Amino acid sequence: MTTITRPARPGDEAVLHDLAARTFWLACPPGTAQADIDAFVAAHLSEKSFAGYLADPARTIVIVSVDDRPAGYSMLVSGPITDPDVSAVVDGATSVELSKFYLTAERHGGGAAHELMSETLVAAARTGARTCWLGVNQRNERAARFYAKHGFEVVGVKRFLVGSEWHDDHIRQRRLSSTNGSGTTGS
């Protein structure tokens, strides 16, 4: 298997929307209404949404492909933190958000997620941020283990709205390397 990561670019909107539609539900806790998942994807992960994200200089999107087939994506967002729960524990002036990190189910456990995270952390360090933070559902144990393995520690809690249902998330954060560009934790 050949795994390749690359920055997303204009023209990738359909690929990104397709990946989002096939992966967003994996991050939702059991019992989340399918109608709420579909509505969230339509409102925030449509081709039109991705066109806006790709045009936004505060966002960086990375795509991972396995054997020339798109398998996942990540999205970093720089700028002010608007969530008061997050801003209470994360310094928005020195941090970048890992807003999206999704991989198709058939690629879980095959190394593509590690490749995507490695490239995402390199991209995060390139923003000049000293730390990277994310929110992950507290009941998503698989993702929690993955993020912990990559140095993200729980620093707080926040809520995330999908449809009309609020979900409880952990806020996780890690240091970024500013010296070697590898995305690994520096000292």
N, C-alpha and C. Protein backbone atom coordinates (compact mmCIF):
# COMPACT_ATOMS: atom_id res chain seq x y z
N MET A 1 0.84 -1.19 0.00
CA MET A 1 0.00 0.00 0.00
C MET A 1 0.88 1.25 0.00
N THR A 2 0.48 2.21 -0.79
CA THR A 2 1.16 3.48 -0.85
C THR A 2 0.28 4.55 -0.22
N THR A 3 0.81 5.22 0.81
CA THR A 3 0.07 6.27 1.49
C THR A 3 0.72 7.61 1.18
N ILE A 4 -0.09 8.56 0.74
CA ILE A 4 0.40 9.89 0.37
C ILE A 4 -0.46 10.94 1.06
N THR A 5 0.19 11.95 1.63
CA THR A 5 -0.52 13.11 2.16
C THR A 5 -0.18 14.31 1.29
N ARG A 6 -1.15 15.22 1.19
CA ARG A 6 -0.91 16.44 0.42
C ARG A 6 -1.86 17.52 0.90
N PRO A 7 -1.49 18.78 0.69
CA PRO A 7 -2.42 19.86 1.01
C PRO A 7 -3.62 19.80 0.07
N ALA A 8 -4.80 20.06 0.59
CA ALA A 8 -5.99 20.17 -0.27
C ALA A 8 -5.89 21.47 -1.05
N ARG A 9 -6.56 21.50 -2.18
CA ARG A 9 -6.52 22.68 -3.04
C ARG A 9 -7.88 22.87 -3.71
N PRO A 10 -8.13 24.06 -4.26
CA PRO A 10 -9.38 24.25 -4.99
C PRO A 10 -9.54 23.15 -6.03
N GLY A 11 -10.74 22.62 -6.12
CA GLY A 11 -11.02 21.48 -6.97
C GLY A 11 -11.22 20.21 -6.16
N ASP A 12 -10.81 20.23 -4.88
CA ASP A 12 -10.97 19.08 -3.99
C ASP A 12 -12.30 19.09 -3.22
N GLU A 13 -13.15 20.06 -3.49
CA GLU A 13 -14.39 20.19 -2.70
C GLU A 13 -15.23 18.92 -2.71
N ALA A 14 -15.42 18.30 -3.86
CA ALA A 14 -16.25 17.09 -3.95
C ALA A 14 -15.61 15.93 -3.20
N VAL A 15 -14.31 15.79 -3.30
CA VAL A 15 -13.60 14.73 -2.58
C VAL A 15 -13.74 14.93 -1.08
N LEU A 16 -13.55 16.16 -0.62
CA LEU A 16 -13.65 16.45 0.81
C LEU A 16 -15.07 16.23 1.34
N HIS A 17 -16.06 16.68 0.58
CA HIS A 17 -17.45 16.46 1.00
C HIS A 17 -17.75 14.96 1.07
N ASP A 18 -17.31 14.21 0.08
CA ASP A 18 -17.54 12.77 0.09
C ASP A 18 -16.88 12.12 1.32
N LEU A 19 -15.63 12.50 1.61
CA LEU A 19 -14.96 11.97 2.80
C LEU A 19 -15.73 12.35 4.07
N ALA A 20 -16.17 13.60 4.14
CA ALA A 20 -16.92 14.06 5.33
C ALA A 20 -18.21 13.27 5.50
N ALA A 21 -18.92 13.06 4.40
CA ALA A 21 -20.19 12.33 4.47
C ALA A 21 -19.98 10.88 4.90
N ARG A 22 -18.82 10.30 4.55
CA ARG A 22 -18.54 8.90 4.90
C ARG A 22 -17.87 8.74 6.26
N THR A 23 -17.41 9.86 6.87
CA THR A 23 -16.64 9.71 8.10
C THR A 23 -17.18 10.45 9.31
N PHE A 24 -17.96 11.52 9.13
CA PHE A 24 -18.38 12.33 10.27
C PHE A 24 -19.11 11.51 11.32
N TRP A 25 -19.94 10.58 10.91
CA TRP A 25 -20.72 9.77 11.85
C TRP A 25 -19.82 8.95 12.78
N LEU A 26 -18.61 8.64 12.34
CA LEU A 26 -17.70 7.85 13.16
C LEU A 26 -17.30 8.56 14.45
N ALA A 27 -17.37 9.89 14.43
CA ALA A 27 -16.99 10.66 15.61
C ALA A 27 -18.17 10.93 16.54
N CYS A 28 -19.37 10.58 16.11
CA CYS A 28 -20.57 10.83 16.91
C CYS A 28 -20.82 9.67 17.87
N PRO A 29 -21.29 9.98 19.06
CA PRO A 29 -21.57 8.89 20.00
C PRO A 29 -22.76 8.06 19.53
N PRO A 30 -22.81 6.79 19.97
CA PRO A 30 -23.96 5.95 19.63
C PRO A 30 -25.25 6.65 20.04
N GLY A 31 -26.26 6.49 19.22
CA GLY A 31 -27.55 7.10 19.53
C GLY A 31 -27.77 8.45 18.88
N THR A 32 -26.72 9.02 18.27
CA THR A 32 -26.91 10.29 17.57
C THR A 32 -27.84 10.05 16.38
N ALA A 33 -28.86 10.86 16.28
CA ALA A 33 -29.85 10.68 15.22
C ALA A 33 -29.21 10.87 13.85
N GLN A 34 -29.49 9.95 12.92
CA GLN A 34 -28.94 10.04 11.57
C GLN A 34 -29.36 11.36 10.91
N ALA A 35 -30.58 11.82 11.19
CA ALA A 35 -31.04 13.09 10.62
C ALA A 35 -30.17 14.25 11.10
N ASP A 36 -29.74 14.21 12.36
CA ASP A 36 -28.86 15.25 12.89
C ASP A 36 -27.48 15.19 12.23
N ILE A 37 -26.97 13.99 12.02
CA ILE A 37 -25.68 13.82 11.35
C ILE A 37 -25.77 14.36 9.93
N ASP A 38 -26.82 13.97 9.21
CA ASP A 38 -27.00 14.42 7.83
C ASP A 38 -27.14 15.93 7.75
N ALA A 39 -27.86 16.52 8.68
CA ALA A 39 -28.05 17.97 8.68
C ALA A 39 -26.73 18.69 8.97
N PHE A 40 -25.92 18.15 9.88
CA PHE A 40 -24.63 18.75 10.18
C PHE A 40 -23.72 18.71 8.94
N VAL A 41 -23.67 17.57 8.29
CA VAL A 41 -22.85 17.44 7.08
C VAL A 41 -23.33 18.42 6.01
N ALA A 42 -24.64 18.51 5.82
CA ALA A 42 -25.19 19.43 4.81
C ALA A 42 -24.87 20.88 5.14
N ALA A 43 -24.92 21.24 6.41
CA ALA A 43 -24.71 22.64 6.81
C ALA A 43 -23.24 23.02 6.88
N HIS A 44 -22.37 22.10 7.30
CA HIS A 44 -20.98 22.46 7.58
C HIS A 44 -19.93 21.75 6.75
N LEU A 45 -20.32 20.68 6.06
CA LEU A 45 -19.34 19.87 5.34
C LEU A 45 -19.75 19.63 3.89
N SER A 46 -20.50 20.56 3.32
CA SER A 46 -20.94 20.48 1.93
C SER A 46 -19.80 20.90 1.00
N GLU A 47 -19.98 20.68 -0.29
CA GLU A 47 -18.98 21.16 -1.26
C GLU A 47 -18.83 22.67 -1.16
N LYS A 48 -19.94 23.38 -1.00
CA LYS A 48 -19.89 24.84 -0.86
C LYS A 48 -19.10 25.24 0.39
N SER A 49 -19.34 24.53 1.51
CA SER A 49 -18.59 24.81 2.74
C SER A 49 -17.10 24.61 2.51
N PHE A 50 -16.74 23.50 1.87
CA PHE A 50 -15.32 23.23 1.63
C PHE A 50 -14.71 24.25 0.68
N ALA A 51 -15.47 24.76 -0.27
CA ALA A 51 -14.95 25.82 -1.15
C ALA A 51 -14.57 27.04 -0.31
N GLY A 52 -15.41 27.38 0.64
CA GLY A 52 -15.10 28.49 1.54
C GLY A 52 -13.90 28.19 2.42
N TYR A 53 -13.82 26.98 2.94
CA TYR A 53 -12.68 26.60 3.79
C TYR A 53 -11.37 26.67 3.00
N LEU A 54 -11.40 26.17 1.75
CA LEU A 54 -10.19 26.18 0.94
C LEU A 54 -9.75 27.59 0.59
N ALA A 55 -10.67 28.53 0.52
CA ALA A 55 -10.35 29.92 0.19
C ALA A 55 -9.93 30.72 1.43
N ASP A 56 -10.11 30.18 2.61
CA ASP A 56 -9.85 30.88 3.87
C ASP A 56 -8.37 30.73 4.24
N PRO A 57 -7.61 31.82 4.28
CA PRO A 57 -6.19 31.70 4.61
C PRO A 57 -5.93 31.25 6.06
N ALA A 58 -6.94 31.29 6.91
CA ALA A 58 -6.78 30.83 8.29
C ALA A 58 -6.95 29.31 8.41
N ARG A 59 -7.26 28.64 7.31
CA ARG A 59 -7.49 27.19 7.34
C ARG A 59 -6.47 26.45 6.48
N THR A 60 -6.09 25.30 6.96
CA THR A 60 -5.21 24.39 6.23
C THR A 60 -5.87 23.02 6.22
N ILE A 61 -6.05 22.44 5.04
CA ILE A 61 -6.66 21.12 4.93
C ILE A 61 -5.64 20.17 4.30
N VAL A 62 -5.51 19.00 4.90
CA VAL A 62 -4.59 17.97 4.41
C VAL A 62 -5.42 16.74 4.06
N ILE A 63 -5.13 16.14 2.92
CA ILE A 63 -5.80 14.92 2.47
C ILE A 63 -4.80 13.77 2.51
N VAL A 64 -5.24 12.60 2.96
CA VAL A 64 -4.43 11.39 2.89
C VAL A 64 -5.10 10.43 1.91
N SER A 65 -4.28 9.83 1.04
CA SER A 65 -4.77 8.84 0.08
C SER A 65 -3.99 7.55 0.26
N VAL A 66 -4.67 6.45 0.08
CA VAL A 66 -4.03 5.13 0.12
C VAL A 66 -4.27 4.49 -1.25
N ASP A 67 -3.18 4.11 -1.90
CA ASP A 67 -3.26 3.55 -3.25
C ASP A 67 -4.11 4.41 -4.17
N ASP A 68 -3.84 5.72 -4.14
CA ASP A 68 -4.50 6.72 -4.98
C ASP A 68 -5.99 6.91 -4.70
N ARG A 69 -6.48 6.42 -3.57
CA ARG A 69 -7.89 6.61 -3.21
C ARG A 69 -7.95 7.47 -1.94
N PRO A 70 -8.65 8.63 -1.99
CA PRO A 70 -8.76 9.46 -0.80
C PRO A 70 -9.31 8.66 0.38
N ALA A 71 -8.63 8.77 1.54
CA ALA A 71 -8.99 7.97 2.70
C ALA A 71 -9.30 8.81 3.93
N GLY A 72 -8.97 10.10 3.92
CA GLY A 72 -9.24 10.93 5.08
C GLY A 72 -8.73 12.34 4.87
N TYR A 73 -9.04 13.18 5.86
CA TYR A 73 -8.59 14.57 5.78
C TYR A 73 -8.52 15.16 7.18
N SER A 74 -7.78 16.24 7.28
CA SER A 74 -7.73 17.03 8.51
C SER A 74 -7.89 18.49 8.15
N MET A 75 -8.31 19.29 9.14
CA MET A 75 -8.43 20.73 8.93
C MET A 75 -7.93 21.46 10.17
N LEU A 76 -6.99 22.36 9.95
CA LEU A 76 -6.48 23.24 10.99
C LEU A 76 -7.13 24.61 10.83
N VAL A 77 -7.42 25.27 11.96
CA VAL A 77 -8.01 26.60 11.93
C VAL A 77 -7.22 27.50 12.87
N SER A 78 -6.68 28.58 12.32
CA SER A 78 -5.99 29.59 13.11
C SER A 78 -6.95 30.72 13.42
N GLY A 79 -6.66 31.45 14.47
CA GLY A 79 -7.47 32.63 14.76
C GLY A 79 -8.06 32.59 16.15
N PRO A 80 -8.88 33.57 16.44
CA PRO A 80 -9.45 33.69 17.78
C PRO A 80 -10.32 32.49 18.15
N ILE A 81 -10.30 32.15 19.41
CA ILE A 81 -11.15 31.08 19.93
C ILE A 81 -12.44 31.72 20.43
N THR A 82 -13.58 31.28 19.89
CA THR A 82 -14.86 31.88 20.25
C THR A 82 -15.59 31.10 21.34
N ASP A 83 -15.21 29.86 21.57
CA ASP A 83 -15.87 29.04 22.59
C ASP A 83 -15.29 29.40 23.96
N PRO A 84 -16.12 29.88 24.91
CA PRO A 84 -15.58 30.29 26.21
C PRO A 84 -14.97 29.15 27.01
N ASP A 85 -15.47 27.93 26.85
CA ASP A 85 -14.88 26.80 27.55
C ASP A 85 -13.46 26.54 27.07
N VAL A 86 -13.25 26.68 25.75
CA VAL A 86 -11.92 26.47 25.19
C VAL A 86 -10.99 27.62 25.56
N SER A 87 -11.47 28.85 25.41
CA SER A 87 -10.60 30.01 25.69
C SER A 87 -10.20 30.08 27.16
N ALA A 88 -10.93 29.40 28.02
CA ALA A 88 -10.56 29.36 29.44
C ALA A 88 -9.32 28.50 29.69
N VAL A 89 -9.01 27.58 28.76
CA VAL A 89 -7.89 26.66 29.00
C VAL A 89 -6.84 26.66 27.88
N VAL A 90 -7.13 27.33 26.75
CA VAL A 90 -6.21 27.36 25.61
C VAL A 90 -5.93 28.82 25.26
N ASP A 91 -4.67 29.16 25.05
CA ASP A 91 -4.28 30.51 24.64
C ASP A 91 -4.45 30.61 23.12
N GLY A 92 -5.48 31.31 22.70
CA GLY A 92 -5.78 31.44 21.27
C GLY A 92 -4.70 32.14 20.48
N ALA A 93 -3.90 32.97 21.14
CA ALA A 93 -2.85 33.70 20.43
C ALA A 93 -1.67 32.82 20.07
N THR A 94 -1.52 31.67 20.74
CA THR A 94 -0.35 30.82 20.50
C THR A 94 -0.74 29.40 20.09
N SER A 95 -2.01 29.19 19.75
CA SER A 95 -2.47 27.84 19.44
C SER A 95 -3.24 27.80 18.13
N VAL A 96 -3.25 26.64 17.50
CA VAL A 96 -4.03 26.39 16.30
C VAL A 96 -4.97 25.22 16.61
N GLU A 97 -6.18 25.28 16.08
CA GLU A 97 -7.17 24.22 16.32
C GLU A 97 -7.07 23.13 15.26
N LEU A 98 -7.06 21.89 15.70
CA LEU A 98 -7.27 20.76 14.80
C LEU A 98 -8.77 20.52 14.80
N SER A 99 -9.44 21.16 13.85
CA SER A 99 -10.90 21.20 13.81
C SER A 99 -11.51 19.91 13.28
N LYS A 100 -10.85 19.29 12.33
CA LYS A 100 -11.36 18.07 11.71
C LYS A 100 -10.21 17.08 11.56
N PHE A 101 -10.50 15.81 11.84
CA PHE A 101 -9.53 14.74 11.61
C PHE A 101 -10.34 13.46 11.42
N TYR A 102 -10.52 13.07 10.16
CA TYR A 102 -11.40 11.94 9.85
C TYR A 102 -10.74 11.00 8.87
N LEU A 103 -10.95 9.72 9.09
CA LEU A 103 -10.41 8.67 8.24
C LEU A 103 -11.52 7.66 7.99
N THR A 104 -11.62 7.17 6.76
CA THR A 104 -12.65 6.17 6.45
C THR A 104 -12.45 4.93 7.31
N ALA A 105 -13.55 4.29 7.67
CA ALA A 105 -13.51 3.15 8.59
C ALA A 105 -12.61 2.03 8.10
N GLU A 106 -12.61 1.77 6.80
CA GLU A 106 -11.81 0.66 6.29
C GLU A 106 -10.31 0.93 6.38
N ARG A 107 -9.90 2.16 6.66
CA ARG A 107 -8.48 2.51 6.78
C ARG A 107 -8.03 2.61 8.24
N HIS A 108 -8.94 2.42 9.19
CA HIS A 108 -8.54 2.45 10.60
C HIS A 108 -7.56 1.31 10.87
N GLY A 109 -6.49 1.61 11.58
CA GLY A 109 -5.52 0.60 11.97
C GLY A 109 -4.49 0.26 10.93
N GLY A 110 -4.50 0.94 9.80
CA GLY A 110 -3.57 0.60 8.72
C GLY A 110 -2.40 1.55 8.56
N GLY A 111 -2.29 2.56 9.40
CA GLY A 111 -1.19 3.50 9.32
C GLY A 111 -1.50 4.82 8.64
N ALA A 112 -2.61 4.91 7.92
CA ALA A 112 -2.94 6.16 7.22
C ALA A 112 -3.22 7.29 8.21
N ALA A 113 -3.85 6.98 9.33
CA ALA A 113 -4.13 8.01 10.33
C ALA A 113 -2.84 8.59 10.89
N HIS A 114 -1.86 7.73 11.14
CA HIS A 114 -0.57 8.20 11.64
C HIS A 114 0.09 9.13 10.61
N GLU A 115 0.05 8.74 9.35
CA GLU A 115 0.63 9.58 8.30
C GLU A 115 -0.09 10.93 8.21
N LEU A 116 -1.41 10.89 8.28
CA LEU A 116 -2.20 12.13 8.24
C LEU A 116 -1.87 13.01 9.45
N MET A 117 -1.80 12.41 10.65
CA MET A 117 -1.49 13.21 11.84
C MET A 117 -0.08 13.80 11.74
N SER A 118 0.88 13.02 11.29
CA SER A 118 2.25 13.54 11.17
C SER A 118 2.29 14.76 10.27
N GLU A 119 1.66 14.67 9.11
CA GLU A 119 1.66 15.81 8.18
C GLU A 119 0.85 16.98 8.74
N THR A 120 -0.23 16.69 9.44
CA THR A 120 -1.05 17.74 10.04
C THR A 120 -0.27 18.50 11.10
N LEU A 121 0.51 17.80 11.91
CA LEU A 121 1.32 18.46 12.93
C LEU A 121 2.43 19.30 12.32
N VAL A 122 3.00 18.85 11.21
CA VAL A 122 3.98 19.66 10.49
C VAL A 122 3.31 20.95 10.00
N ALA A 123 2.12 20.81 9.41
CA ALA A 123 1.39 21.99 8.93
C ALA A 123 1.02 22.91 10.09
N ALA A 124 0.65 22.35 11.23
CA ALA A 124 0.31 23.16 12.41
C ALA A 124 1.53 23.95 12.87
N ALA A 125 2.69 23.32 12.91
CA ALA A 125 3.92 24.02 13.32
C ALA A 125 4.26 25.14 12.35
N ARG A 126 3.97 24.93 11.07
CA ARG A 126 4.25 25.96 10.06
C ARG A 126 3.43 27.23 10.29
N THR A 127 2.31 27.13 10.99
CA THR A 127 1.50 28.33 11.25
C THR A 127 2.18 29.26 12.25
N GLY A 128 3.19 28.76 12.94
CA GLY A 128 3.85 29.55 13.98
C GLY A 128 3.26 29.32 15.36
N ALA A 129 2.22 28.51 15.45
CA ALA A 129 1.61 28.22 16.75
C ALA A 129 2.57 27.39 17.59
N ARG A 130 2.43 27.53 18.89
CA ARG A 130 3.25 26.74 19.82
C ARG A 130 2.52 25.48 20.28
N THR A 131 1.18 25.52 20.19
CA THR A 131 0.40 24.36 20.60
C THR A 131 -0.72 24.12 19.58
N CYS A 132 -1.24 22.90 19.61
CA CYS A 132 -2.39 22.52 18.79
C CYS A 132 -3.44 21.94 19.73
N TRP A 133 -4.71 22.33 19.53
CA TRP A 133 -5.78 21.81 20.39
C TRP A 133 -6.88 21.23 19.53
N LEU A 134 -7.71 20.40 20.15
CA LEU A 134 -8.85 19.80 19.47
C LEU A 134 -9.93 19.48 20.49
N GLY A 135 -11.13 19.24 20.00
CA GLY A 135 -12.23 18.73 20.82
C GLY A 135 -12.60 17.36 20.31
N VAL A 136 -12.81 16.42 21.23
CA VAL A 136 -13.19 15.06 20.85
C VAL A 136 -14.25 14.56 21.82
N ASN A 137 -15.26 13.91 21.29
CA ASN A 137 -16.35 13.42 22.12
C ASN A 137 -15.80 12.52 23.22
N GLN A 138 -16.28 12.75 24.44
CA GLN A 138 -15.79 12.00 25.59
C GLN A 138 -16.05 10.50 25.47
N ARG A 139 -17.03 10.11 24.68
CA ARG A 139 -17.36 8.69 24.54
C ARG A 139 -16.65 8.02 23.37
N ASN A 140 -15.85 8.78 22.64
CA ASN A 140 -15.12 8.24 21.50
C ASN A 140 -13.76 7.72 21.98
N GLU A 141 -13.77 6.53 22.55
CA GLU A 141 -12.57 5.96 23.16
C GLU A 141 -11.47 5.68 22.14
N ARG A 142 -11.83 5.24 20.95
CA ARG A 142 -10.84 4.96 19.91
C ARG A 142 -10.08 6.24 19.57
N ALA A 143 -10.80 7.32 19.36
CA ALA A 143 -10.15 8.59 19.02
C ALA A 143 -9.32 9.09 20.20
N ALA A 144 -9.82 8.94 21.41
CA ALA A 144 -9.09 9.39 22.60
C ALA A 144 -7.74 8.68 22.70
N ARG A 145 -7.74 7.38 22.46
CA ARG A 145 -6.47 6.62 22.50
C ARG A 145 -5.52 7.12 21.40
N PHE A 146 -6.06 7.36 20.22
CA PHE A 146 -5.23 7.83 19.11
C PHE A 146 -4.62 9.19 19.44
N TYR A 147 -5.44 10.12 19.91
CA TYR A 147 -4.92 11.46 20.22
C TYR A 147 -3.91 11.41 21.37
N ALA A 148 -4.16 10.59 22.38
CA ALA A 148 -3.21 10.45 23.49
C ALA A 148 -1.87 9.91 22.96
N LYS A 149 -1.93 8.95 22.07
CA LYS A 149 -0.72 8.36 21.47
C LYS A 149 0.09 9.42 20.74
N HIS A 150 -0.59 10.44 20.23
CA HIS A 150 0.07 11.52 19.49
C HIS A 150 0.32 12.75 20.35
N GLY A 151 0.28 12.58 21.67
CA GLY A 151 0.68 13.64 22.58
C GLY A 151 -0.37 14.63 23.00
N PHE A 152 -1.62 14.43 22.61
CA PHE A 152 -2.69 15.35 23.01
C PHE A 152 -3.20 14.95 24.40
N GLU A 153 -3.12 15.87 25.34
CA GLU A 153 -3.57 15.63 26.71
C GLU A 153 -4.86 16.39 26.98
N VAL A 154 -5.71 15.82 27.82
CA VAL A 154 -6.97 16.48 28.20
C VAL A 154 -6.63 17.69 29.06
N VAL A 155 -7.16 18.86 28.65
CA VAL A 155 -6.94 20.09 29.40
C VAL A 155 -8.25 20.75 29.84
N GLY A 156 -9.39 20.21 29.40
CA GLY A 156 -10.68 20.79 29.76
C GLY A 156 -11.82 20.07 29.08
N VAL A 157 -13.01 20.64 29.20
CA VAL A 157 -14.21 20.08 28.58
C VAL A 157 -14.99 21.20 27.91
N LYS A 158 -15.77 20.81 26.89
CA LYS A 158 -16.64 21.74 26.18
C LYS A 158 -17.83 20.98 25.64
N ARG A 159 -18.77 21.70 25.07
CA ARG A 159 -19.95 21.07 24.48
C ARG A 159 -19.93 21.31 22.98
N PHE A 160 -20.54 20.36 22.23
CA PHE A 160 -20.56 20.42 20.77
C PHE A 160 -21.97 20.07 20.31
N LEU A 161 -22.57 20.92 19.49
CA LEU A 161 -23.95 20.75 19.06
C LEU A 161 -24.01 20.04 17.71
N VAL A 162 -24.75 18.92 17.67
CA VAL A 162 -25.07 18.22 16.43
C VAL A 162 -26.59 18.13 16.38
N GLY A 163 -27.18 18.86 15.43
CA GLY A 163 -28.65 18.93 15.38
C GLY A 163 -29.15 19.66 16.62
N SER A 164 -30.02 19.02 17.35
CA SER A 164 -30.55 19.63 18.57
C SER A 164 -29.94 18.99 19.82
N GLU A 165 -28.94 18.12 19.62
CA GLU A 165 -28.35 17.39 20.74
C GLU A 165 -26.95 17.91 21.06
N TRP A 166 -26.75 18.24 22.34
CA TRP A 166 -25.44 18.66 22.81
C TRP A 166 -24.63 17.44 23.20
N HIS A 167 -23.35 17.45 22.81
CA HIS A 167 -22.43 16.36 23.13
C HIS A 167 -21.30 16.92 24.00
N ASP A 168 -20.80 16.11 24.89
CA ASP A 168 -19.72 16.51 25.77
C ASP A 168 -18.39 16.10 25.17
N ASP A 169 -17.49 17.07 25.01
CA ASP A 169 -16.18 16.83 24.41
C ASP A 169 -15.08 17.09 25.42
N HIS A 170 -13.99 16.37 25.26
CA HIS A 170 -12.75 16.73 25.95
C HIS A 170 -12.01 17.70 25.06
N ILE A 171 -11.38 18.68 25.68
CA ILE A 171 -10.45 19.56 24.98
C ILE A 171 -9.08 18.95 25.21
N ARG A 172 -8.38 18.66 24.13
CA ARG A 172 -7.03 18.09 24.22
C ARG A 172 -6.06 19.04 23.55
N GLN A 173 -4.85 19.07 24.07
CA GLN A 173 -3.84 19.98 23.55
C GLN A 173 -2.46 19.33 23.60
N ARG A 174 -1.60 19.73 22.68
CA ARG A 174 -0.20 19.27 22.69
C ARG A 174 0.71 20.39 22.21
N ARG A 175 1.96 20.31 22.61
CA ARG A 175 2.97 21.25 22.13
C ARG A 175 3.36 20.89 20.70
N LEU A 176 3.78 21.91 19.97
CA LEU A 176 4.29 21.71 18.61
C LEU A 176 5.78 22.01 18.61
N SER A 177 6.48 21.33 17.74
CA SER A 177 7.92 21.58 17.59
C SER A 177 8.10 22.79 16.69
N SER A 178 8.92 23.70 17.12
CA SER A 178 9.21 24.86 16.27
C SER A 178 10.61 24.77 15.69
N THR A 179 11.35 23.71 16.04
CA THR A 179 12.73 23.65 15.60
C THR A 179 12.99 22.66 14.48
N ASN A 180 12.36 21.48 14.56
CA ASN A 180 12.71 20.47 13.57
C ASN A 180 11.68 20.30 12.46
N GLY A 181 10.51 20.96 12.57
CA GLY A 181 9.51 20.90 11.52
C GLY A 181 8.84 19.54 11.37
N SER A 182 9.17 18.59 12.24
CA SER A 182 8.59 17.25 12.09
C SER A 182 7.24 17.12 12.74
N GLY A 183 6.83 18.12 13.51
CA GLY A 183 5.56 18.02 14.21
C GLY A 183 5.67 17.27 15.50
N THR A 184 6.85 16.79 15.83
CA THR A 184 7.00 16.07 17.09
C THR A 184 7.20 17.06 18.22
N THR A 185 6.91 16.62 19.41
CA THR A 185 7.03 17.49 20.56
C THR A 185 8.47 17.90 20.77
N GLY A 186 8.69 19.20 20.85
CA GLY A 186 10.03 19.73 21.12
C GLY A 186 10.23 19.90 22.61
N SER A 187 11.46 20.20 22.99
CA SER A 187 11.72 20.39 24.43
C SER A 187 11.90 21.84 24.77
